[in-house]
Amino acid sequence: MADQPRVLFVDDEQMLHNLFSRLFKRNDIHLSSCMSAVQAVDALKEEEFDLVITDFMMPDMDGVELLAHIRKEYPSMRVIMITAHANVQHAVRAMKKGAIDYIPKPFSTDELLERVQNILAEPEPEEVVARARKQKQDSRTKASSEFIGEHPKVQKLKEMLPLVSANRAPIFIQGESGTGKEVLARVIHNQSDRSGKPFVALNCATLPSELAESHLFGHLKGAFTGAVADMTGAFEKADGGTLLLDEVTEVSQNIQAKLLRALQEQEIVKVGSSSPMQVDVRVVATSNRNLQEAIKDGSFREDLYHRLSVFPLTLPPLRDRPSDIPLLVSFFVEKYADLYGLPDKEVSDELMDDFMSRPWPGNVRELENMVQRGVLLSAEEEVIERDDVVNDFFTDKQTSSTGATQLVREGQTIEDMEREMILKTLERTGHNQKEAASRLGVSARTIRNKLKKYRKQGHIPE
């Protein structure tokens, strides 16, 4: 059983998890399941997989974002994308550039199993593996060697980096979610004399409270129920290098006390052990919270903050440095065009004007996601148009003559979503079935058949 292929399945439908678990188990394939792409990112750090199967549309982080993460961090990983949505014709074409398989829902279990088995049976050619290793190294080097921006606030920050990077004192980076705190931490690590040592990132906000201590400091086999093997914690993994404690304000008071001791003594104690272990780790901590409020309400220890913030740095939100938007757009366009093997691109004036006028509540991360979408959906075109990015199909809300309405509502079935999408597209095209079919990426015959079905069901008049 040790030689079983390992597959990671990512979908927010629990019913599919149960179905796939039984299906793959019967066919000697080990399946691990995640309910979100965010969970999958963590799972990929902990285990090695032969294949990832991911849904396209998921909350928080969608399948395209997960695909981009996999291509960046695990370039030789094979991925199957599944979705209930039909209007992704351009995305499919772009995904094929990366040899990504794609299965639209509904699909038969036999069809899925056959594709999975065929993919698992094909070994990766040596040249693909070698190219993937090089791509991964080049991508990491490029992404972690610079912090993009020329705004005075960013320039002032850059001027401080050589001094900040040249020692081992802890750093505390504050900034709104999506401003690039982890990117800055990687830049600091790569400019330091620890650049050849590990950089370990741990998101404290996603740590299960009962396992936070184990993830940080490790545990011994038998330390508690479920501890079936020794575990190496983040401090030990980062020994000699840099440890990023992302959203450190989210850990409990008990863990904060142990973090303070680890920083003061440069030693850790694994769960289940009484022997301290010396570690040489530079800690970079981040938070998107108001630290003074967190200290005042007692949720974060003031002594730990002072220990962490020898160098306190603050990243400005994107709305405060709009002059950097064209630079960031250019950087992300080049990044994702290279990643997906697409031609050099630029954005249209209309799209750039749209970018410049947005408030960017999600900051640089939100901008990066939108550019990534545009690169994918523009496929072989050399110009990314506004419609490639600002598209009703991919927005949380869409505007109609009666106001803003939810694109996806709680309790809505896939069939309901499909019907609503078809009917609204027909409205926008003046009930031109051929034009609607083109926009949806289906045939006019499909539209005719769907309308006939909706009339029989009473959803539209005869």
Protein backbone atom coordinates (compact mmCIF):
# COMPACT_ATOMS: atom_id res chain seq x y z
CA MET A 1 0.00 0.00 0.00
CA ALA A 2 2.99 2.29 0.45
CA ASP A 3 3.30 2.58 -3.34
CA GLN A 4 -0.24 3.84 -3.78
CA PRO A 5 -0.43 7.00 -5.89
CA ARG A 6 -1.40 10.03 -3.81
CA VAL A 7 -4.07 12.43 -5.05
CA LEU A 8 -5.21 15.71 -3.47
CA PHE A 9 -8.84 16.63 -4.14
CA VAL A 10 -9.96 20.23 -3.57
CA ASP A 11 -13.66 21.11 -3.66
CA ASP A 12 -16.14 22.79 -1.32
CA GLU A 13 -18.80 20.11 -1.93
CA GLN A 14 -18.65 17.51 0.85
CA MET A 15 -20.73 15.06 -1.19
CA LEU A 16 -17.98 14.87 -3.82
CA HIS A 17 -15.38 14.21 -1.13
CA ASN A 18 -17.31 11.15 0.04
CA LEU A 19 -17.88 9.94 -3.53
CA PHE A 20 -14.24 10.33 -4.57
CA SER A 21 -12.96 8.75 -1.36
CA ARG A 22 -14.91 5.55 -2.02
CA LEU A 23 -14.13 5.56 -5.75
CA PHE A 24 -10.37 5.99 -5.37
CA LYS A 25 -10.08 3.62 -2.41
CA ARG A 26 -11.63 0.84 -4.50
CA ASN A 27 -8.99 1.50 -7.16
CA ASP A 28 -5.96 1.59 -4.81
CA ILE A 29 -5.45 5.35 -4.99
CA HIS A 30 -4.84 7.27 -1.76
CA LEU A 31 -7.01 10.41 -1.60
CA SER A 32 -6.58 13.44 0.64
CA SER A 33 -9.37 16.03 0.57
CA CYS A 34 -9.55 19.76 1.25
CA MET A 35 -12.62 21.97 1.41
CA SER A 36 -10.79 25.05 0.12
CA ALA A 37 -7.77 26.09 -1.93
CA VAL A 38 -6.31 27.75 1.17
CA GLN A 39 -6.34 24.38 2.96
CA ALA A 40 -4.79 22.79 -0.13
CA VAL A 41 -1.83 25.21 -0.03
CA ASP A 42 -1.08 24.00 3.51
CA ALA A 43 -1.63 20.33 2.58
CA LEU A 44 0.89 20.61 -0.27
CA LYS A 45 3.49 21.84 2.22
CA GLU A 46 2.93 18.86 4.50
CA GLU A 47 2.64 15.98 1.99
CA GLU A 48 3.84 14.97 -1.45
CA PHE A 49 1.18 14.26 -4.08
CA ASP A 50 1.25 12.79 -7.56
CA LEU A 51 -1.81 14.69 -8.77
CA VAL A 52 -4.13 17.51 -7.72
CA ILE A 53 -7.81 17.61 -8.70
CA THR A 54 -9.34 21.01 -8.00
CA ASP A 55 -12.65 22.71 -8.53
CA PHE A 56 -12.63 25.97 -10.51
CA MET A 57 -14.96 28.20 -8.47
CA MET A 58 -14.38 28.25 -4.70
CA PRO A 59 -14.66 30.96 -2.05
CA ASP A 60 -11.63 32.97 -0.83
CA MET A 61 -9.17 31.47 -3.32
CA ASP A 62 -10.34 29.94 -6.59
CA GLY A 63 -8.94 27.08 -8.64
CA VAL A 64 -7.03 29.37 -11.00
CA GLU A 65 -5.21 30.97 -8.06
CA LEU A 66 -4.42 27.52 -6.67
CA LEU A 67 -3.19 26.44 -10.10
CA ALA A 68 -0.88 29.47 -10.25
CA HIS A 69 0.46 28.62 -6.78
CA ILE A 70 1.12 25.02 -7.82
CA ARG A 71 2.81 26.06 -11.05
CA LYS A 72 5.05 28.40 -9.06
CA GLU A 73 5.89 26.18 -6.08
CA TYR A 74 5.51 22.68 -7.61
CA PRO A 75 6.05 23.16 -11.38
CA SER A 76 6.06 19.45 -12.23
CA MET A 77 2.82 18.76 -10.36
CA ARG A 78 0.00 17.54 -12.59
CA VAL A 79 -3.41 19.15 -12.13
CA ILE A 80 -6.94 18.33 -13.25
CA MET A 81 -9.41 21.23 -13.16
CA ILE A 82 -13.10 20.45 -12.76
CA THR A 83 -15.98 22.92 -12.82
CA ALA A 84 -19.70 23.31 -13.21
CA HIS A 85 -19.23 26.45 -15.27
CA ALA A 86 -19.18 26.28 -19.05
CA ASN A 87 -18.03 29.80 -19.90
CA VAL A 88 -14.32 29.28 -19.46
CA GLN A 89 -13.35 28.64 -23.06
CA HIS A 90 -10.44 31.06 -23.00
CA ALA A 91 -9.26 29.81 -19.62
CA VAL A 92 -9.27 26.24 -20.88
CA ARG A 93 -7.10 27.20 -23.83
CA ALA A 94 -4.65 28.94 -21.53
CA MET A 95 -4.58 26.02 -19.11
CA LYS A 96 -3.73 23.65 -21.94
CA LYS A 97 -0.48 25.58 -22.28
CA GLY A 98 0.51 24.02 -19.00
CA ALA A 99 -0.65 20.50 -19.93
CA ILE A 100 -3.52 20.84 -17.45
CA ASP A 101 -6.46 18.49 -17.92
CA TYR A 102 -9.93 19.94 -17.63
CA ILE A 103 -13.26 18.20 -16.96
CA PRO A 104 -16.60 20.05 -17.00
CA LYS A 105 -19.37 18.98 -14.64
CA PRO A 106 -21.40 16.87 -14.82
CA PHE A 107 -19.01 14.02 -15.54
CA SER A 108 -19.20 10.30 -14.98
CA THR A 109 -17.08 8.68 -12.30
CA ASP A 110 -15.78 6.25 -14.92
CA GLU A 111 -14.59 9.16 -17.07
CA LEU A 112 -12.83 10.84 -14.16
CA LEU A 113 -11.23 7.62 -12.94
CA GLU A 114 -9.97 6.80 -16.42
CA ARG A 115 -8.36 10.22 -16.81
CA VAL A 116 -6.78 10.04 -13.36
CA GLN A 117 -5.38 6.57 -13.97
CA ASN A 118 -4.02 7.57 -17.39
CA ILE A 119 -2.27 10.62 -15.96
CA LEU A 120 -0.82 8.68 -13.03
CA ALA A 121 0.43 5.97 -15.40
CA GLU A 122 2.47 8.46 -17.41
CA PRO A 123 5.86 9.27 -15.84
CA GLU A 124 7.06 12.84 -16.15
CA PRO A 125 9.76 13.10 -18.85
CA GLU A 126 13.17 14.01 -17.42
CA GLU A 127 13.31 17.22 -19.43
CA VAL A 128 9.95 18.32 -17.97
CA VAL A 129 11.18 17.73 -14.44
CA ALA A 130 14.43 19.59 -15.14
CA ARG A 131 12.58 22.51 -16.70
CA ALA A 132 10.20 22.58 -13.75
CA ARG A 133 13.06 22.76 -11.27
CA LYS A 134 14.63 25.64 -13.18
CA GLN A 135 11.29 27.44 -13.51
CA LYS A 136 10.68 27.09 -9.79
CA GLN A 137 14.11 28.47 -8.91
CA ASP A 138 13.86 31.34 -11.41
CA SER A 139 10.37 32.22 -10.21
CA ARG A 140 11.40 32.27 -6.56
CA THR A 141 14.53 34.29 -7.26
CA LYS A 142 12.66 36.89 -9.28
CA ALA A 143 9.72 37.16 -6.90
CA SER A 144 11.84 37.39 -3.77
CA SER A 145 14.63 39.66 -4.95
CA GLU A 146 12.66 42.87 -5.19
CA PHE A 147 9.75 44.79 -3.73
CA ILE A 148 7.92 46.52 -6.58
CA GLY A 149 7.23 50.25 -6.25
CA GLU A 150 8.64 53.73 -6.69
CA HIS A 151 6.24 55.70 -4.52
CA PRO A 152 8.10 57.78 -1.88
CA LYS A 153 6.71 55.61 0.95
CA VAL A 154 8.02 52.48 -0.76
CA GLN A 155 11.32 54.10 -1.67
CA LYS A 156 11.89 55.07 1.97
CA LEU A 157 11.19 51.48 2.97
CA LYS A 158 13.62 50.16 0.36
CA GLU A 159 16.36 52.46 1.62
CA MET A 160 16.05 50.82 5.04
CA LEU A 161 16.18 47.24 3.77
CA PRO A 162 19.99 46.80 3.51
CA LEU A 163 20.41 47.89 7.13
CA VAL A 164 17.46 45.83 8.34
CA SER A 165 18.58 42.74 6.42
CA ALA A 166 22.19 42.83 7.62
CA ASN A 167 21.53 41.49 11.12
CA ARG A 168 19.46 38.89 12.96
CA ALA A 169 17.20 41.15 15.05
CA PRO A 170 13.47 40.39 14.86
CA ILE A 171 11.26 42.42 12.52
CA PHE A 172 7.59 43.28 12.85
CA ILE A 173 5.79 44.17 9.59
CA GLN A 174 2.37 45.77 9.84
CA GLY A 175 0.00 46.37 6.98
CA GLU A 176 -3.45 45.61 5.65
CA SER A 177 -4.16 42.20 4.19
CA GLY A 178 -2.70 41.87 0.70
CA THR A 179 -0.11 44.65 0.96
CA GLY A 180 2.82 42.27 0.47
CA LYS A 181 4.07 41.52 3.97
CA GLU A 182 5.31 38.03 3.06
CA VAL A 183 6.94 39.34 -0.12
CA LEU A 184 8.85 41.90 1.96
CA ALA A 185 9.88 39.22 4.45
CA ARG A 186 11.30 37.10 1.61
CA VAL A 187 13.18 40.10 0.22
CA ILE A 188 14.75 40.71 3.65
CA HIS A 189 15.73 37.04 3.91
CA ASN A 190 17.28 37.01 0.45
CA GLN A 191 19.28 40.17 1.14
CA SER A 192 20.63 38.75 4.40
CA ASP A 193 23.56 36.43 5.08
CA ARG A 194 20.94 33.73 5.76
CA SER A 195 19.79 33.62 2.13
CA GLY A 196 21.30 30.18 1.62
CA LYS A 197 19.40 28.80 4.61
CA PRO A 198 15.69 27.93 4.95
CA PHE A 199 12.90 30.47 4.76
CA VAL A 200 9.88 29.00 6.54
CA ALA A 201 6.50 30.75 6.46
CA LEU A 202 3.81 29.84 8.98
CA ASN A 203 0.33 31.38 8.86
CA CYS A 204 -0.66 31.64 12.51
CA ALA A 205 -4.25 32.56 11.62
CA THR A 206 -4.89 29.11 10.12
CA LEU A 207 -3.28 27.05 12.89
CA PRO A 208 -5.73 24.83 14.81
CA SER A 209 -5.51 26.03 18.42
CA GLU A 210 -4.85 22.54 19.75
CA LEU A 211 -1.98 21.97 17.30
CA ALA A 212 -0.40 25.45 17.24
CA GLU A 213 2.35 24.50 19.68
CA SER A 214 3.24 21.40 17.65
CA HIS A 215 3.42 23.37 14.40
CA LEU A 216 5.69 25.95 16.01
CA PHE A 217 7.95 23.81 18.19
CA GLY A 218 7.29 20.20 17.13
CA HIS A 219 6.24 17.21 19.19
CA LEU A 220 7.43 13.72 20.09
CA LYS A 221 5.62 10.53 19.19
CA GLY A 222 3.03 9.70 21.84
CA ALA A 223 3.02 13.22 23.31
CA PHE A 224 -0.76 13.28 22.96
CA THR A 225 -3.56 11.28 21.36
CA GLY A 226 -2.98 11.30 17.62
CA ALA A 227 0.76 11.97 17.83
CA VAL A 228 1.68 8.82 15.92
CA ALA A 229 5.12 10.09 14.90
CA ASP A 230 7.64 12.78 15.77
CA MET A 231 6.88 16.17 14.21
CA THR A 232 9.41 18.84 13.26
CA GLY A 233 8.15 22.31 14.11
CA ALA A 234 8.65 25.56 12.21
CA PHE A 235 11.45 26.80 14.47
CA GLU A 236 13.49 23.65 13.88
CA LYS A 237 12.80 23.70 10.14
CA ALA A 238 14.02 27.31 9.97
CA ASP A 239 17.18 26.68 12.01
CA GLY A 240 19.96 28.84 10.57
CA GLY A 241 17.49 30.78 8.45
CA THR A 242 14.38 32.92 8.75
CA LEU A 243 10.96 32.13 10.20
CA LEU A 244 7.98 34.20 9.08
CA LEU A 245 5.16 34.21 11.64
CA ASP A 246 2.34 35.56 9.52
CA GLU A 247 -0.55 37.11 11.49
CA VAL A 248 1.22 36.37 14.76
CA THR A 249 -1.42 38.29 16.73
CA GLU A 250 -3.85 35.41 16.12
CA VAL A 251 -2.09 32.90 18.40
CA SER A 252 -3.32 32.30 21.96
CA GLN A 253 -1.86 33.91 25.08
CA ASN A 254 -0.38 30.55 26.10
CA ILE A 255 1.50 30.24 22.80
CA GLN A 256 2.56 33.88 22.98
CA ALA A 257 4.32 33.18 26.28
CA LYS A 258 6.21 30.28 24.71
CA LEU A 259 7.11 32.39 21.70
CA LEU A 260 8.52 35.03 24.01
CA ARG A 261 10.72 32.44 25.72
CA ALA A 262 11.90 31.04 22.37
CA LEU A 263 12.93 34.52 21.25
CA GLN A 264 14.63 35.38 24.52
CA GLU A 265 16.51 32.11 25.00
CA GLN A 266 16.89 31.05 21.36
CA GLU A 267 15.68 27.61 22.38
CA ILE A 268 12.49 25.58 22.06
CA VAL A 269 10.96 22.62 23.88
CA LYS A 270 9.01 20.11 21.83
CA VAL A 271 5.62 18.97 23.08
CA GLY A 272 6.19 15.80 25.08
CA SER A 273 9.87 16.60 25.77
CA SER A 274 11.60 18.13 28.78
CA SER A 275 14.86 18.86 26.97
CA PRO A 276 15.33 22.30 25.39
CA MET A 277 16.76 22.52 21.88
CA GLN A 278 18.93 25.41 20.75
CA VAL A 279 17.87 27.08 17.50
CA ASP A 280 19.35 29.89 15.45
CA VAL A 281 16.35 31.56 13.86
CA ARG A 282 15.63 35.10 12.75
CA VAL A 283 11.93 35.83 13.25
CA VAL A 284 9.92 38.13 11.02
CA ALA A 285 6.39 38.64 12.36
CA THR A 286 3.45 40.26 10.57
CA SER A 287 -0.03 41.48 11.44
CA ASN A 288 -2.88 43.30 9.74
CA ARG A 289 -4.39 44.31 13.08
CA ASN A 290 -4.08 47.57 14.98
CA LEU A 291 -1.36 46.52 17.43
CA GLN A 292 -2.10 49.19 20.00
CA GLU A 293 -5.71 48.05 20.19
CA ALA A 294 -4.66 44.40 20.42
CA ILE A 295 -2.30 45.23 23.28
CA LYS A 296 -4.90 47.41 24.99
CA ASP A 297 -7.64 44.76 24.89
CA GLY A 298 -5.21 42.12 26.18
CA SER A 299 -5.26 39.86 23.13
CA PHE A 300 -1.56 40.42 22.40
CA ARG A 301 1.26 40.62 24.93
CA GLU A 302 3.05 43.96 25.01
CA ASP A 303 6.35 42.36 26.02
CA LEU A 304 6.17 40.00 23.02
CA TYR A 305 5.46 42.92 20.69
CA HIS A 306 8.52 44.80 21.97
CA ARG A 307 10.65 41.66 21.61
CA LEU A 308 9.48 41.18 18.01
CA SER A 309 9.59 44.79 16.88
CA VAL A 310 13.26 45.68 17.05
CA PHE A 311 12.65 46.86 13.47
CA PRO A 312 8.98 47.85 13.10
CA LEU A 313 8.04 48.33 9.43
CA THR A 314 4.72 49.45 7.96
CA LEU A 315 3.52 48.73 4.44
CA PRO A 316 1.20 51.33 2.92
CA PRO A 317 -2.08 50.17 1.33
CA LEU A 318 -2.24 50.25 -2.47
CA ARG A 319 -4.74 53.13 -2.43
CA ASP A 320 -2.03 55.30 -0.83
CA ARG A 321 0.45 54.62 -3.63
CA PRO A 322 -1.57 54.64 -6.87
CA SER A 323 1.49 55.65 -8.91
CA ASP A 324 2.84 52.13 -8.35
CA ILE A 325 -0.16 50.43 -10.00
CA PRO A 326 1.25 50.52 -13.59
CA LEU A 327 4.57 49.07 -12.32
CA LEU A 328 2.79 46.28 -10.45
CA VAL A 329 0.53 45.53 -13.41
CA SER A 330 3.52 45.24 -15.74
CA PHE A 331 5.32 42.96 -13.27
CA PHE A 332 2.33 40.64 -12.82
CA VAL A 333 1.56 40.49 -16.55
CA GLU A 334 5.12 39.37 -17.26
CA LYS A 335 5.06 36.94 -14.33
CA TYR A 336 1.90 35.11 -15.39
CA ALA A 337 2.57 35.21 -19.11
CA ASP A 338 5.88 33.44 -18.37
CA LEU A 339 4.21 31.06 -15.93
CA TYR A 340 1.56 29.92 -18.42
CA GLY A 341 3.77 30.00 -21.52
CA LEU A 342 1.73 32.78 -23.14
CA PRO A 343 2.99 35.58 -25.43
CA ASP A 344 4.19 38.94 -24.12
CA LYS A 345 1.21 41.11 -23.23
CA GLU A 346 0.17 44.60 -22.23
CA VAL A 347 -3.06 45.94 -20.79
CA SER A 348 -5.41 48.21 -22.71
CA ASP A 349 -5.77 51.89 -21.77
CA GLU A 350 -9.36 51.21 -20.74
CA LEU A 351 -8.30 48.46 -18.34
CA MET A 352 -5.47 50.56 -16.89
CA ASP A 353 -7.90 53.44 -16.32
CA ASP A 354 -10.17 50.99 -14.50
CA PHE A 355 -7.27 49.81 -12.33
CA MET A 356 -6.27 53.39 -11.49
CA SER A 357 -9.81 54.26 -10.36
CA ARG A 358 -10.35 51.34 -7.97
CA PRO A 359 -10.12 51.61 -4.14
CA TRP A 360 -8.34 48.20 -3.87
CA PRO A 361 -9.62 46.92 -0.51
CA GLY A 362 -7.65 43.73 -1.17
CA ASN A 363 -4.52 45.73 -2.01
CA VAL A 364 -1.72 44.25 -4.15
CA ARG A 365 -3.07 40.71 -3.78
CA GLU A 366 -6.38 41.77 -5.32
CA LEU A 367 -4.58 43.50 -8.19
CA GLU A 368 -2.41 40.44 -8.79
CA ASN A 369 -5.46 38.16 -8.91
CA MET A 370 -7.19 40.38 -11.46
CA VAL A 371 -4.09 40.60 -13.66
CA GLN A 372 -3.65 36.83 -13.46
CA ARG A 373 -7.26 36.37 -14.60
CA GLY A 374 -6.68 38.78 -17.49
CA VAL A 375 -3.54 36.97 -18.61
CA LEU A 376 -5.39 33.64 -18.64
CA LEU A 377 -8.56 34.81 -20.34
CA SER A 378 -6.79 36.88 -22.99
CA ALA A 379 -5.03 33.62 -23.99
CA GLU A 380 -3.05 34.19 -27.22
CA GLU A 381 -4.00 37.87 -27.55
CA GLU A 382 -1.23 40.42 -26.97
CA VAL A 383 -3.51 42.98 -25.30
CA ILE A 384 -5.52 42.30 -22.14
CA GLU A 385 -8.85 44.06 -22.52
CA ARG A 386 -11.10 45.27 -19.74
CA ASP A 387 -13.65 42.55 -20.53
CA ASP A 388 -11.00 39.89 -19.88
CA VAL A 389 -10.83 41.05 -16.26
CA VAL A 390 -13.99 42.95 -15.37
CA ASN A 391 -16.47 40.29 -16.38
CA ASP A 392 -19.87 39.59 -14.77
CA PHE A 393 -19.15 35.87 -14.88
CA PHE A 394 -16.25 36.28 -12.46
CA THR A 395 -17.64 38.96 -10.13
CA ASP A 396 -19.34 38.39 -6.78
CA LYS A 397 -22.06 40.83 -7.75
CA GLN A 398 -23.48 41.95 -11.06
CA THR A 399 -25.37 45.14 -11.75
CA SER A 400 -28.73 45.16 -13.50
CA SER A 401 -31.32 47.85 -14.12
CA THR A 402 -32.87 47.00 -10.78
CA GLY A 403 -29.62 47.26 -8.84
CA ALA A 404 -26.92 44.88 -7.63
CA THR A 405 -27.86 41.24 -7.20
CA GLN A 406 -25.88 38.28 -5.96
CA LEU A 407 -24.45 36.10 -8.76
CA VAL A 408 -24.44 33.07 -6.47
CA ARG A 409 -27.02 32.85 -3.69
CA GLU A 410 -27.08 30.54 -0.71
CA GLY A 411 -28.97 27.35 -1.49
CA GLN A 412 -28.78 27.91 -5.24
CA THR A 413 -28.14 24.74 -7.24
CA ILE A 414 -25.67 24.42 -10.11
CA GLU A 415 -28.63 24.02 -12.49
CA ASP A 416 -30.18 27.25 -11.15
CA MET A 417 -26.90 29.10 -11.65
CA GLU A 418 -26.57 27.81 -15.20
CA ARG A 419 -30.15 28.81 -16.07
CA GLU A 420 -29.69 32.29 -14.58
CA MET A 421 -26.45 32.78 -16.47
CA ILE A 422 -27.99 31.75 -19.81
CA LEU A 423 -31.11 33.90 -19.38
CA LYS A 424 -29.14 36.99 -18.28
CA THR A 425 -26.75 36.59 -21.21
CA LEU A 426 -29.71 36.39 -23.55
CA GLU A 427 -31.07 39.62 -22.02
CA ARG A 428 -27.77 41.39 -22.61
CA THR A 429 -27.62 40.25 -26.24
CA GLY A 430 -31.23 41.23 -27.03
CA HIS A 431 -32.17 37.53 -27.08
CA ASN A 432 -29.72 36.85 -29.90
CA GLN A 433 -29.13 33.14 -29.32
CA LYS A 434 -26.06 32.96 -31.54
CA GLU A 435 -24.37 35.88 -29.77
CA ALA A 436 -25.31 34.51 -26.34
CA ALA A 437 -23.89 31.10 -27.26
CA SER A 438 -20.65 32.75 -28.37
CA ARG A 439 -20.32 34.66 -25.10
CA LEU A 440 -21.02 31.55 -23.06
CA GLY A 441 -18.64 29.36 -25.04
CA VAL A 442 -21.35 26.86 -26.07
CA SER A 443 -23.17 26.04 -29.28
CA ALA A 444 -26.39 27.76 -30.41
CA ARG A 445 -27.99 24.32 -30.39
CA THR A 446 -27.21 24.01 -26.68
CA ILE A 447 -28.94 27.33 -26.04
CA ARG A 448 -32.01 26.20 -28.00
CA ASN A 449 -32.18 22.91 -26.10
CA LYS A 450 -31.81 24.68 -22.75
CA LEU A 451 -34.59 27.15 -23.57
CA LYS A 452 -36.87 24.29 -24.61
CA LYS A 453 -36.16 22.60 -21.26
CA TYR A 454 -36.81 25.80 -19.28
CA ARG A 455 -40.16 26.28 -21.03
CA LYS A 456 -41.23 22.74 -20.13
CA GLN A 457 -40.19 23.36 -16.51
CA GLY A 458 -42.17 26.61 -16.42
CA HIS A 459 -39.16 28.85 -15.79
CA ILE A 460 -39.94 30.89 -18.92
CA PRO A 461 -43.26 31.32 -20.79
CA GLU A 462 -44.10 29.14 -23.80
